[in-house]
Amino acid sequence: MKTPGLIFIAGPTASGKSAAALSLARALDGEVVNADAMQVYGDLNVITARPTADDRDQAPHHLYGVIQGFERFSAGRWARLAKQVLYQCDAHGKVALVCGGTGLYFRALEEGLSPIPDIPQETRAAAEARRREVGPEAFREEVVARDPAMARLPAGDAQRLMRAWEVLEATGKPLSWHQAQPRVPLIDKVDARIVIEPPRDVLYARCDARAAAMMAEGAVEEVRALLERDLDPDLPVMKALGVPEIAAMLHSEIDEQGALEMLQQNTRRFAKRQLTWFRNQASDWPRAENAKEAESRILEQLRAFSAKV
């Protein structure tokens, strides 16, 4: 596909990437496309620091809060939705700013997806039912017996093991076979890209501040409402950063201060894992320490790109 401008803005949680994307969207008459695996859930507004109503008034935002907590989501499904949004931006002459911290989403656009057919909803439901029936350990053994490549997955990795089971059931071939097939990129080019990587002490301080603000601004009520729905605890939405910590508090397992400290620690650890991923998997991307520098470096790349055209 061809776009008037496709920009990637990546980075760990609390790095300022959303602020950079919004500022650039205003400057370039662009639209922001979510590339965060948890911000797709409509149930998690405060928990995931989704763009505010004011943010959305300033620029169009796509793929935020588009699915419900009882649903499972994948990089493949995200990429298909994102491709549609990018075509819409192209058709309307808009710059698309793909922004988020889920590195696999960016990779899915650039490198393509394994050609796996859509899985019927009843097969997905059957995978969940089978795991509940036999238990996590026996379910893993069943999957590994049919697809030995899945032996690398622990029994607790419910999402990936159920994915392997449902692909086997629906297609008759192991997930590993599908993953070995040639992939076709979903985009033609990226005009500019950046990873926002603040100094470690700055990032960790922002993680702590975000966790405290989350607790004060409605995250507790958000998690309480989620728990009242009695969802499967293995669903991704139930494992989102902030949900287990606040759930433990609501179950009187820890007090509010303990929940905050646990959330701050887990947020820092999550940010560290994201940094490690981008350093290993996106080592050739330009870097910036903050949102302002990211904006400047993106604009420099766009000017250089335009000069070559």
C-alpha atoms as a PDB file:
ATOM      1  CA  MET A   1       0.000   0.000   0.000  1.00  0.00           C
ATOM      2  CA  LYS A   2       1.055   3.605  -0.461  1.00  0.00           C
ATOM      3  CA  THR A   3       0.438   6.224   2.187  1.00  0.00           C
ATOM      4  CA  PRO A   4       1.028   9.972   2.250  1.00  0.00           C
ATOM      5  CA  GLY A   5       2.975   9.351   5.450  1.00  0.00           C
ATOM      6  CA  LEU A   6       3.390   6.383   7.741  1.00  0.00           C
ATOM      7  CA  ILE A   7       5.130   6.988  11.047  1.00  0.00           C
ATOM      8  CA  PHE A   8       6.030   4.498  13.791  1.00  0.00           C
ATOM      9  CA  ILE A   9       6.374   5.764  17.374  1.00  0.00           C
ATOM     10  CA  ALA A  10       7.357   3.068  19.857  1.00  0.00           C
ATOM     11  CA  GLY A  11       8.653   2.853  23.391  1.00  0.00           C
ATOM     12  CA  PRO A  12       8.041   1.505  26.874  1.00  0.00           C
ATOM     13  CA  THR A  13       5.133   2.467  29.080  1.00  0.00           C
ATOM     14  CA  ALA A  14       5.278   6.018  30.488  1.00  0.00           C
ATOM     15  CA  SER A  15       7.906   7.104  27.945  1.00  0.00           C
ATOM     16  CA  GLY A  16       5.794   9.886  26.424  1.00  0.00           C
ATOM     17  CA  LYS A  17       5.039   8.242  23.085  1.00  0.00           C
ATOM     18  CA  SER A  18       1.315   9.086  23.176  1.00  0.00           C
ATOM     19  CA  ALA A  19       2.097  12.758  23.765  1.00  0.00           C
ATOM     20  CA  ALA A  20       4.540  12.745  20.858  1.00  0.00           C
ATOM     21  CA  ALA A  21       2.008  11.062  18.575  1.00  0.00           C
ATOM     22  CA  LEU A  22      -0.723  13.548  19.458  1.00  0.00           C
ATOM     23  CA  SER A  23       1.536  16.554  18.931  1.00  0.00           C
ATOM     24  CA  LEU A  24       2.688  15.233  15.561  1.00  0.00           C
ATOM     25  CA  ALA A  25      -0.878  14.383  14.559  1.00  0.00           C
ATOM     26  CA  ARG A  26      -1.872  17.996  15.165  1.00  0.00           C
ATOM     27  CA  ALA A  27       1.147  19.323  13.282  1.00  0.00           C
ATOM     28  CA  LEU A  28       0.816  16.966  10.310  1.00  0.00           C
ATOM     29  CA  ASP A  29      -2.975  16.648  10.109  1.00  0.00           C
ATOM     30  CA  GLY A  30      -2.536  13.024  11.036  1.00  0.00           C
ATOM     31  CA  GLU A  31      -4.417  10.228  12.762  1.00  0.00           C
ATOM     32  CA  VAL A  32      -3.144   8.088  15.643  1.00  0.00           C
ATOM     33  CA  VAL A  33      -3.338   4.285  15.404  1.00  0.00           C
ATOM     34  CA  ASN A  34      -2.987   2.271  18.606  1.00  0.00           C
ATOM     35  CA  ALA A  35      -0.246  -0.378  18.754  1.00  0.00           C
ATOM     36  CA  ASP A  36      -0.648  -1.380  22.400  1.00  0.00           C
ATOM     37  CA  ALA A  37      -2.046  -4.825  23.185  1.00  0.00           C
ATOM     38  CA  MET A  38      -3.965  -3.706  26.274  1.00  0.00           C
ATOM     39  CA  GLN A  39      -5.331  -0.393  25.007  1.00  0.00           C
ATOM     40  CA  VAL A  40      -7.536  -2.308  22.571  1.00  0.00           C
ATOM     41  CA  TYR A  41      -9.776  -3.323  25.500  1.00  0.00           C
ATOM     42  CA  GLY A  42     -12.818  -1.177  26.160  1.00  0.00           C
ATOM     43  CA  ASP A  43     -12.820  -2.314  29.792  1.00  0.00           C
ATOM     44  CA  LEU A  44      -9.433  -0.717  30.522  1.00  0.00           C
ATOM     45  CA  ASN A  45      -9.565   3.041  30.225  1.00  0.00           C
ATOM     46  CA  VAL A  46      -7.726   4.262  33.325  1.00  0.00           C
ATOM     47  CA  ILE A  47      -5.621   1.122  33.742  1.00  0.00           C
ATOM     48  CA  THR A  48      -4.029   1.488  30.302  1.00  0.00           C
ATOM     49  CA  ALA A  49      -3.905   5.313  30.216  1.00  0.00           C
ATOM     50  CA  ARG A  50      -5.950   5.451  27.032  1.00  0.00           C
ATOM     51  CA  PRO A  51      -6.194   8.809  25.214  1.00  0.00           C
ATOM     52  CA  THR A  52      -8.645  11.177  26.874  1.00  0.00           C
ATOM     53  CA  ALA A  53     -11.727  12.702  25.268  1.00  0.00           C
ATOM     54  CA  ASP A  54      -9.739  15.918  24.831  1.00  0.00           C
ATOM     55  CA  ASP A  55      -6.976  13.997  23.041  1.00  0.00           C
ATOM     56  CA  ARG A  56      -9.516  12.424  20.710  1.00  0.00           C
ATOM     57  CA  ASP A  57     -11.027  15.828  19.996  1.00  0.00           C
ATOM     58  CA  GLN A  58      -7.627  17.093  18.856  1.00  0.00           C
ATOM     59  CA  ALA A  59      -6.945  14.243  16.433  1.00  0.00           C
ATOM     60  CA  PRO A  60      -8.671  11.038  15.313  1.00  0.00           C
ATOM     61  CA  HIS A  61      -7.602   7.943  17.273  1.00  0.00           C
ATOM     62  CA  HIS A  62      -8.104   4.382  16.052  1.00  0.00           C
ATOM     63  CA  LEU A  63      -8.120   0.882  17.623  1.00  0.00           C
ATOM     64  CA  TYR A  64      -8.488   2.085  21.200  1.00  0.00           C
ATOM     65  CA  GLY A  65     -11.116   0.256  23.261  1.00  0.00           C
ATOM     66  CA  VAL A  66     -12.417  -1.722  20.293  1.00  0.00           C
ATOM     67  CA  ILE A  67     -12.908  -5.134  21.942  1.00  0.00           C
ATOM     68  CA  GLN A  68     -14.390  -6.411  25.191  1.00  0.00           C
ATOM     69  CA  GLY A  69     -12.698  -8.153  28.079  1.00  0.00           C
ATOM     70  CA  PHE A  70     -14.185 -11.582  27.354  1.00  0.00           C
ATOM     71  CA  GLU A  71     -12.440 -11.619  23.960  1.00  0.00           C
ATOM     72  CA  ARG A  72      -8.954 -12.809  23.163  1.00  0.00           C
ATOM     73  CA  PHE A  73      -6.816 -10.739  20.846  1.00  0.00           C
ATOM     74  CA  SER A  74      -3.749 -11.460  18.719  1.00  0.00           C
ATOM     75  CA  ALA A  75      -1.107  -9.642  16.718  1.00  0.00           C
ATOM     76  CA  GLY A  76      -2.708 -11.068  13.595  1.00  0.00           C
ATOM     77  CA  ARG A  77      -6.122  -9.642  14.370  1.00  0.00           C
ATOM     78  CA  TRP A  78      -4.580  -6.294  15.270  1.00  0.00           C
ATOM     79  CA  ALA A  79      -2.584  -6.179  12.036  1.00  0.00           C
ATOM     80  CA  ARG A  80      -5.659  -6.879   9.922  1.00  0.00           C
ATOM     81  CA  LEU A  81      -7.578  -4.099  11.669  1.00  0.00           C
ATOM     82  CA  ALA A  82      -4.613  -1.739  11.442  1.00  0.00           C
ATOM     83  CA  LYS A  83      -4.217  -2.414   7.733  1.00  0.00           C
ATOM     84  CA  GLN A  84      -7.816  -1.317   7.182  1.00  0.00           C
ATOM     85  CA  VAL A  85      -7.221   1.885   9.148  1.00  0.00           C
ATOM     86  CA  LEU A  86      -4.041   2.650   7.197  1.00  0.00           C
ATOM     87  CA  TYR A  87      -5.930   2.257   3.928  1.00  0.00           C
ATOM     88  CA  GLN A  88      -8.567   4.670   5.209  1.00  0.00           C
ATOM     89  CA  CYS A  89      -5.873   7.187   6.107  1.00  0.00           C
ATOM     90  CA  ASP A  90      -4.366   6.729   2.659  1.00  0.00           C
ATOM     91  CA  ALA A  91      -7.729   7.257   0.967  1.00  0.00           C
ATOM     92  CA  HIS A  92      -8.301  10.492   2.874  1.00  0.00           C
ATOM     93  CA  GLY A  93      -4.773  11.818   2.425  1.00  0.00           C
ATOM     94  CA  LYS A  94      -3.939  11.589   6.121  1.00  0.00           C
ATOM     95  CA  VAL A  95      -0.650  10.841   7.841  1.00  0.00           C
ATOM     96  CA  ALA A  96      -0.922   7.686   9.980  1.00  0.00           C
ATOM     97  CA  LEU A  97       0.986   7.600  13.267  1.00  0.00           C
ATOM     98  CA  VAL A  98       1.193   4.058  14.638  1.00  0.00           C
ATOM     99  CA  CYS A  99       1.941   4.450  18.330  1.00  0.00           C
ATOM    100  CA  GLY A 100       2.426   1.891  21.086  1.00  0.00           C
ATOM    101  CA  GLY A 101       4.627  -0.373  23.130  1.00  0.00           C
ATOM    102  CA  THR A 102       3.788  -3.787  21.653  1.00  0.00           C
ATOM    103  CA  GLY A 103       6.744  -4.491  19.426  1.00  0.00           C
ATOM    104  CA  LEU A 104       5.142  -7.531  17.801  1.00  0.00           C
ATOM    105  CA  TYR A 105       2.468  -5.283  16.306  1.00  0.00           C
ATOM    106  CA  PHE A 106       5.026  -3.170  14.448  1.00  0.00           C
ATOM    107  CA  ARG A 107       6.758  -6.340  13.284  1.00  0.00           C
ATOM    108  CA  ALA A 108       3.466  -7.778  12.024  1.00  0.00           C
ATOM    109  CA  LEU A 109       2.959  -4.774   9.740  1.00  0.00           C
ATOM    110  CA  GLU A 110       6.492  -4.760   8.355  1.00  0.00           C
ATOM    111  CA  GLU A 111       7.194  -8.485   8.105  1.00  0.00           C
ATOM    112  CA  GLY A 112       3.709  -9.841   7.558  1.00  0.00           C
ATOM    113  CA  LEU A 113       1.743 -12.600   9.229  1.00  0.00           C
ATOM    114  CA  SER A 114       1.678 -16.356   9.132  1.00  0.00           C
ATOM    115  CA  PRO A 115      -1.097 -17.346   6.679  1.00  0.00           C
ATOM    116  CA  ILE A 116      -3.468 -18.840   9.242  1.00  0.00           C
ATOM    117  CA  PRO A 117      -7.173 -18.968   8.283  1.00  0.00           C
ATOM    118  CA  ASP A 118      -9.707 -17.294  10.548  1.00  0.00           C
ATOM    119  CA  ILE A 119     -10.663 -19.589  13.413  1.00  0.00           C
ATOM    120  CA  PRO A 120     -14.416 -20.099  13.996  1.00  0.00           C
ATOM    121  CA  GLN A 121     -15.680 -18.720  17.293  1.00  0.00           C
ATOM    122  CA  GLU A 122     -17.020 -22.125  18.298  1.00  0.00           C
ATOM    123  CA  THR A 123     -13.511 -23.581  17.957  1.00  0.00           C
ATOM    124  CA  ARG A 124     -12.115 -20.844  20.189  1.00  0.00           C
ATOM    125  CA  ALA A 125     -14.793 -21.619  22.755  1.00  0.00           C
ATOM    126  CA  ALA A 126     -13.994 -25.324  22.508  1.00  0.00           C
ATOM    127  CA  ALA A 127     -10.331 -24.631  23.287  1.00  0.00           C
ATOM    128  CA  GLU A 128     -11.273 -22.795  26.477  1.00  0.00           C
ATOM    129  CA  ALA A 129     -13.717 -25.530  27.464  1.00  0.00           C
ATOM    130  CA  ARG A 130     -11.149 -28.272  26.886  1.00  0.00           C
ATOM    131  CA  ARG A 131      -8.538 -26.524  29.027  1.00  0.00           C
ATOM    132  CA  ARG A 132     -11.030 -26.094  31.852  1.00  0.00           C
ATOM    133  CA  GLU A 133     -12.101 -29.735  31.544  1.00  0.00           C
ATOM    134  CA  VAL A 134      -8.664 -31.382  31.728  1.00  0.00           C
ATOM    135  CA  GLY A 135      -6.667 -28.703  33.546  1.00  0.00           C
ATOM    136  CA  PRO A 136      -3.651 -26.615  32.429  1.00  0.00           C
ATOM    137  CA  GLU A 137      -0.987 -29.359  32.677  1.00  0.00           C
ATOM    138  CA  ALA A 138      -2.945 -32.034  30.811  1.00  0.00           C
ATOM    139  CA  PHE A 139      -4.040 -29.484  28.211  1.00  0.00           C
ATOM    140  CA  ARG A 140      -0.422 -28.550  27.557  1.00  0.00           C
ATOM    141  CA  GLU A 141       0.488 -32.227  27.183  1.00  0.00           C
ATOM    142  CA  GLU A 142      -2.286 -32.682  24.610  1.00  0.00           C
ATOM    143  CA  VAL A 143      -1.074 -29.716  22.588  1.00  0.00           C
ATOM    144  CA  VAL A 144       2.600 -30.741  22.734  1.00  0.00           C
ATOM    145  CA  ALA A 145       1.724 -34.298  21.650  1.00  0.00           C
ATOM    146  CA  ARG A 146       0.236 -32.890  18.446  1.00  0.00           C
ATOM    147  CA  ASP A 147       2.636 -29.960  17.969  1.00  0.00           C
ATOM    148  CA  PRO A 148       6.008 -30.682  19.645  1.00  0.00           C
ATOM    149  CA  ALA A 149       7.241 -27.154  18.886  1.00  0.00           C
ATOM    150  CA  MET A 150       4.868 -25.942  21.605  1.00  0.00           C
ATOM    151  CA  ALA A 151       6.944 -27.728  24.269  1.00  0.00           C
ATOM    152  CA  ARG A 152       8.660 -24.378  24.867  1.00  0.00           C
ATOM    153  CA  LEU A 153       5.423 -23.014  26.357  1.00  0.00           C
ATOM    154  CA  PRO A 154       4.657 -23.461  30.076  1.00  0.00           C
ATOM    155  CA  ALA A 155       1.260 -24.747  31.156  1.00  0.00           C
ATOM    156  CA  GLY A 156       0.391 -21.290  32.442  1.00  0.00           C
ATOM    157  CA  ASP A 157       0.650 -19.711  28.983  1.00  0.00           C
ATOM    158  CA  ALA A 158      -3.043 -20.271  28.368  1.00  0.00           C
ATOM    159  CA  GLN A 159      -3.400 -17.869  25.455  1.00  0.00           C
ATOM    160  CA  ARG A 160      -0.659 -19.371  23.273  1.00  0.00           C
ATOM    161  CA  LEU A 161      -1.523 -22.967  24.102  1.00  0.00           C
ATOM    162  CA  MET A 162      -5.198 -22.435  23.311  1.00  0.00           C
ATOM    163  CA  ARG A 163      -4.167 -20.721  20.092  1.00  0.00           C
ATOM    164  CA  ALA A 164      -2.109 -23.781  19.129  1.00  0.00           C
ATOM    165  CA  TRP A 165      -5.011 -26.106  20.001  1.00  0.00           C
ATOM    166  CA  GLU A 166      -7.602 -24.167  18.027  1.00  0.00           C
ATOM    167  CA  VAL A 167      -5.359 -23.896  14.951  1.00  0.00           C
ATOM    168  CA  LEU A 168      -4.839 -27.661  15.018  1.00  0.00           C
ATOM    169  CA  GLU A 169      -8.561 -28.264  15.321  1.00  0.00           C
ATOM    170  CA  ALA A 170      -9.564 -25.776  12.623  1.00  0.00           C
ATOM    171  CA  THR A 171      -6.869 -26.467  10.015  1.00  0.00           C
ATOM    172  CA  GLY A 172      -5.541 -29.937  10.756  1.00  0.00           C
ATOM    173  CA  LYS A 173      -1.989 -28.568  10.740  1.00  0.00           C
ATOM    174  CA  PRO A 174       0.183 -27.465  13.681  1.00  0.00           C
ATOM    175  CA  LEU A 175       0.630 -23.788  14.445  1.00  0.00           C
ATOM    176  CA  SER A 176       4.378 -24.254  13.947  1.00  0.00           C
ATOM    177  CA  TRP A 177       3.727 -25.383  10.353  1.00  0.00           C
ATOM    178  CA  HIS A 178       1.732 -22.244   9.614  1.00  0.00           C
ATOM    179  CA  GLN A 179       4.388 -20.056  11.238  1.00  0.00           C
ATOM    180  CA  ALA A 180       7.049 -21.524   8.943  1.00  0.00           C
ATOM    181  CA  GLN A 181       5.199 -20.449   5.778  1.00  0.00           C
ATOM    182  CA  PRO A 182       6.356 -17.373   3.787  1.00  0.00           C
ATOM    183  CA  ARG A 183       5.007 -14.045   5.027  1.00  0.00           C
ATOM    184  CA  VAL A 184       3.933 -11.016   3.019  1.00  0.00           C
ATOM    185  CA  PRO A 185       4.465  -7.519   4.496  1.00  0.00           C
ATOM    186  CA  LEU A 186       1.273  -5.541   5.036  1.00  0.00           C
ATOM    187  CA  ILE A 187       2.841  -2.163   4.239  1.00  0.00           C
ATOM    188  CA  ASP A 188       5.170  -0.869   1.518  1.00  0.00           C
ATOM    189  CA  LYS A 189       7.218   1.631   3.484  1.00  0.00           C
ATOM    190  CA  VAL A 190       7.621   3.536   6.718  1.00  0.00           C
ATOM    191  CA  ASP A 191       8.514   7.192   6.225  1.00  0.00           C
ATOM    192  CA  ALA A 192       9.794   7.805   9.750  1.00  0.00           C
ATOM    193  CA  ARG A 193      10.214   5.866  12.971  1.00  0.00           C
ATOM    194  CA  ILE A 194      11.447   6.391  16.511  1.00  0.00           C
ATOM    195  CA  VAL A 195      11.850   4.549  19.797  1.00  0.00           C
ATOM    196  CA  ILE A 196      11.473   6.825  22.807  1.00  0.00           C
ATOM    197  CA  GLU A 197      13.958   5.578  25.390  1.00  0.00           C
ATOM    198  CA  PRO A 198      14.238   7.883  28.421  1.00  0.00           C
ATOM    199  CA  PRO A 199      17.128   7.521  30.880  1.00  0.00           C
ATOM    200  CA  ARG A 200      16.371   4.657  33.254  1.00  0.00           C
ATOM    201  CA  ASP A 201      15.924   6.835  36.360  1.00  0.00           C
ATOM    202  CA  VAL A 202      13.587   9.201  34.525  1.00  0.00           C
ATOM    203  CA  LEU A 203      11.520   6.350  33.105  1.00  0.00           C
ATOM    204  CA  TYR A 204      11.188   4.602  36.455  1.00  0.00           C
ATOM    205  CA  ALA A 205      10.114   7.817  38.173  1.00  0.00           C
ATOM    206  CA  ARG A 206       7.447   8.264  35.507  1.00  0.00           C
ATOM    207  CA  CYS A 207       6.324   4.661  35.977  1.00  0.00           C
ATOM    208  CA  ASP A 208       5.899   5.264  39.714  1.00  0.00           C
ATOM    209  CA  ALA A 209       3.993   8.497  39.115  1.00  0.00           C
ATOM    210  CA  ARG A 210       1.719   6.860  36.553  1.00  0.00           C
ATOM    211  CA  ALA A 211       0.887   4.012  38.935  1.00  0.00           C
ATOM    212  CA  ALA A 212       0.014   6.466  41.716  1.00  0.00           C
ATOM    213  CA  ALA A 213      -2.142   8.555  39.384  1.00  0.00           C
ATOM    214  CA  MET A 214      -3.886   5.425  38.133  1.00  0.00           C
ATOM    215  CA  MET A 215      -4.835   4.403  41.669  1.00  0.00           C
ATOM    216  CA  ALA A 216      -6.155   7.890  42.408  1.00  0.00           C
ATOM    217  CA  GLU A 217      -8.097   8.392  39.178  1.00  0.00           C
ATOM    218  CA  GLY A 218     -10.472   5.461  38.968  1.00  0.00           C
ATOM    219  CA  ALA A 219      -8.433   2.302  38.429  1.00  0.00           C
ATOM    220  CA  VAL A 220      -9.837   0.691  41.573  1.00  0.00           C
ATOM    221  CA  GLU A 221     -13.416   1.179  40.384  1.00  0.00           C
ATOM    222  CA  GLU A 222     -12.441  -0.072  36.929  1.00  0.00           C
ATOM    223  CA  VAL A 223     -10.989  -3.303  38.324  1.00  0.00           C
ATOM    224  CA  ARG A 224     -13.937  -3.770  40.690  1.00  0.00           C
ATOM    225  CA  ALA A 225     -16.316  -3.601  37.712  1.00  0.00           C
ATOM    226  CA  LEU A 226     -14.135  -6.082  35.844  1.00  0.00           C
ATOM    227  CA  LEU A 227     -14.161  -8.547  38.740  1.00  0.00           C
ATOM    228  CA  GLU A 228     -17.944  -8.325  39.003  1.00  0.00           C
ATOM    229  CA  ARG A 229     -18.169  -9.762  35.485  1.00  0.00           C
ATOM    230  CA  ASP A 230     -16.571 -13.007  36.728  1.00  0.00           C
ATOM    231  CA  LEU A 231     -14.356 -13.369  33.660  1.00  0.00           C
ATOM    232  CA  ASP A 232     -11.932 -16.241  33.128  1.00  0.00           C
ATOM    233  CA  PRO A 233      -8.785 -15.289  35.096  1.00  0.00           C
ATOM    234  CA  ASP A 234      -6.642 -16.539  32.197  1.00  0.00           C
ATOM    235  CA  LEU A 235      -8.025 -13.911  29.821  1.00  0.00           C
ATOM    236  CA  PRO A 236      -5.458 -11.266  28.797  1.00  0.00           C
ATOM    237  CA  VAL A 237      -7.596  -8.455  30.211  1.00  0.00           C
ATOM    238  CA  MET A 238      -7.380 -10.047  33.670  1.00  0.00           C
ATOM    239  CA  LYS A 239      -3.590 -10.052  33.491  1.00  0.00           C
ATOM    240  CA  ALA A 240      -3.219  -6.446  32.354  1.00  0.00           C
ATOM    241  CA  LEU A 241      -0.793  -4.389  34.390  1.00  0.00           C
ATOM    242  CA  GLY A 242      -2.754  -3.066  37.362  1.00  0.00           C
ATOM    243  CA  VAL A 243      -5.560  -5.609  37.368  1.00  0.00           C
ATOM    244  CA  PRO A 244      -3.934  -8.373  39.489  1.00  0.00           C
ATOM    245  CA  GLU A 245      -2.463  -5.859  41.931  1.00  0.00           C
ATOM    246  CA  ILE A 246      -5.733  -4.022  42.533  1.00  0.00           C
ATOM    247  CA  ALA A 247      -7.686  -7.292  42.551  1.00  0.00           C
ATOM    248  CA  ALA A 248      -5.452  -8.517  45.385  1.00  0.00           C
ATOM    249  CA  MET A 249      -6.322  -5.367  47.322  1.00  0.00           C
ATOM    250  CA  LEU A 250     -10.044  -5.770  46.685  1.00  0.00           C
ATOM    251  CA  HIS A 251      -9.787  -9.368  47.896  1.00  0.00           C
ATOM    252  CA  SER A 252      -8.151  -8.067  51.117  1.00  0.00           C
ATOM    253  CA  GLU A 253      -4.914  -9.905  50.370  1.00  0.00           C
ATOM    254  CA  ILE A 254      -2.907  -6.666  50.589  1.00  0.00           C
ATOM    255  CA  ASP A 255      -3.687  -3.101  51.641  1.00  0.00           C
ATOM    256  CA  GLU A 256      -3.827  -0.057  49.365  1.00  0.00           C
ATOM    257  CA  GLN A 257      -0.210   0.929  49.986  1.00  0.00           C
ATOM    258  CA  GLY A 258       0.904  -2.620  49.260  1.00  0.00           C
ATOM    259  CA  ALA A 259      -1.081  -2.628  46.023  1.00  0.00           C
ATOM    260  CA  LEU A 260       0.475   0.673  44.968  1.00  0.00           C
ATOM    261  CA  GLU A 261       4.007  -0.490  45.703  1.00  0.00           C
ATOM    262  CA  MET A 262       3.424  -3.762  43.863  1.00  0.00           C
ATOM    263  CA  LEU A 263       1.957  -1.918  40.885  1.00  0.00           C
ATOM    264  CA  GLN A 264       4.888   0.495  40.776  1.00  0.00           C
ATOM    265  CA  GLN A 265       7.383  -2.347  40.897  1.00  0.00           C
ATOM    266  CA  ASN A 266       5.590  -4.343  38.204  1.00  0.00           C
ATOM    267  CA  THR A 267       5.267  -1.255  35.994  1.00  0.00           C
ATOM    268  CA  ARG A 268       9.019  -0.686  36.205  1.00  0.00           C
ATOM    269  CA  ARG A 269       9.677  -4.337  35.392  1.00  0.00           C
ATOM    270  CA  PHE A 270       7.296  -4.194  32.441  1.00  0.00           C
ATOM    271  CA  ALA A 271       9.003  -1.062  31.098  1.00  0.00           C
ATOM    272  CA  LYS A 272      12.378  -2.796  31.430  1.00  0.00           C
ATOM    273  CA  ARG A 273      11.140  -5.786  29.405  1.00  0.00           C
ATOM    274  CA  GLN A 274       9.836  -3.459  26.705  1.00  0.00           C
ATOM    275  CA  LEU A 275      13.175  -1.638  26.568  1.00  0.00           C
ATOM    276  CA  THR A 276      14.974  -4.954  26.211  1.00  0.00           C
ATOM    277  CA  TRP A 277      12.680  -5.999  23.351  1.00  0.00           C
ATOM    278  CA  PHE A 278      13.213  -2.792  21.393  1.00  0.00           C
ATOM    279  CA  ARG A 279      16.971  -2.884  21.977  1.00  0.00           C
ATOM    280  CA  ASN A 280      17.156  -6.430  20.659  1.00  0.00           C
ATOM    281  CA  GLN A 281      14.507  -6.335  17.935  1.00  0.00           C
ATOM    282  CA  ALA A 282      14.583  -2.694  16.787  1.00  0.00           C
ATOM    283  CA  SER A 283      18.235  -1.840  17.323  1.00  0.00           C
ATOM    284  CA  ASP A 284      18.434   0.071  14.030  1.00  0.00           C
ATOM    285  CA  TRP A 285      15.545   2.426  14.833  1.00  0.00           C
ATOM    286  CA  PRO A 286      16.478   6.022  15.717  1.00  0.00           C
ATOM    287  CA  ARG A 287      16.222   6.878  19.413  1.00  0.00           C
ATOM    288  CA  ALA A 288      14.954   9.845  21.409  1.00  0.00           C
ATOM    289  CA  GLU A 289      14.983  10.460  25.156  1.00  0.00           C
ATOM    290  CA  ASN A 290      11.630  12.238  25.361  1.00  0.00           C
ATOM    291  CA  ALA A 291       8.542  13.231  23.417  1.00  0.00           C
ATOM    292  CA  LYS A 292       9.909  16.597  22.295  1.00  0.00           C
ATOM    293  CA  GLU A 293      13.082  15.080  20.902  1.00  0.00           C
ATOM    294  CA  ALA A 294      11.036  12.348  19.235  1.00  0.00           C
ATOM    295  CA  GLU A 295       8.898  14.933  17.444  1.00  0.00           C
ATOM    296  CA  SER A 296      11.997  16.753  16.222  1.00  0.00           C
ATOM    297  CA  ARG A 297      13.674  13.590  14.967  1.00  0.00           C
ATOM    298  CA  ILE A 298      10.524  12.419  13.194  1.00  0.00           C
ATOM    299  CA  LEU A 299      10.199  15.758  11.393  1.00  0.00           C
ATOM    300  CA  GLU A 300      13.873  15.556  10.390  1.00  0.00           C
ATOM    301  CA  GLN A 301      13.291  12.113   8.891  1.00  0.00           C
ATOM    302  CA  LEU A 302      10.243  13.331   6.992  1.00  0.00           C
ATOM    303  CA  ARG A 303      12.195  16.274   5.562  1.00  0.00           C
ATOM    304  CA  ALA A 304      15.009  13.952   4.493  1.00  0.00           C
ATOM    305  CA  PHE A 305      12.502  11.555   2.939  1.00  0.00           C
ATOM    306  CA  SER A 306      10.778  14.378   1.025  1.00  0.00           C
ATOM    307  CA  ALA A 307      14.111  15.626  -0.297  1.00  0.00           C
ATOM    308  CA  LYS A 308      14.790  12.231  -1.879  1.00  0.00           C
ATOM    309  CA  VAL A 309      11.408  11.996  -3.608  1.00  0.00           C
END
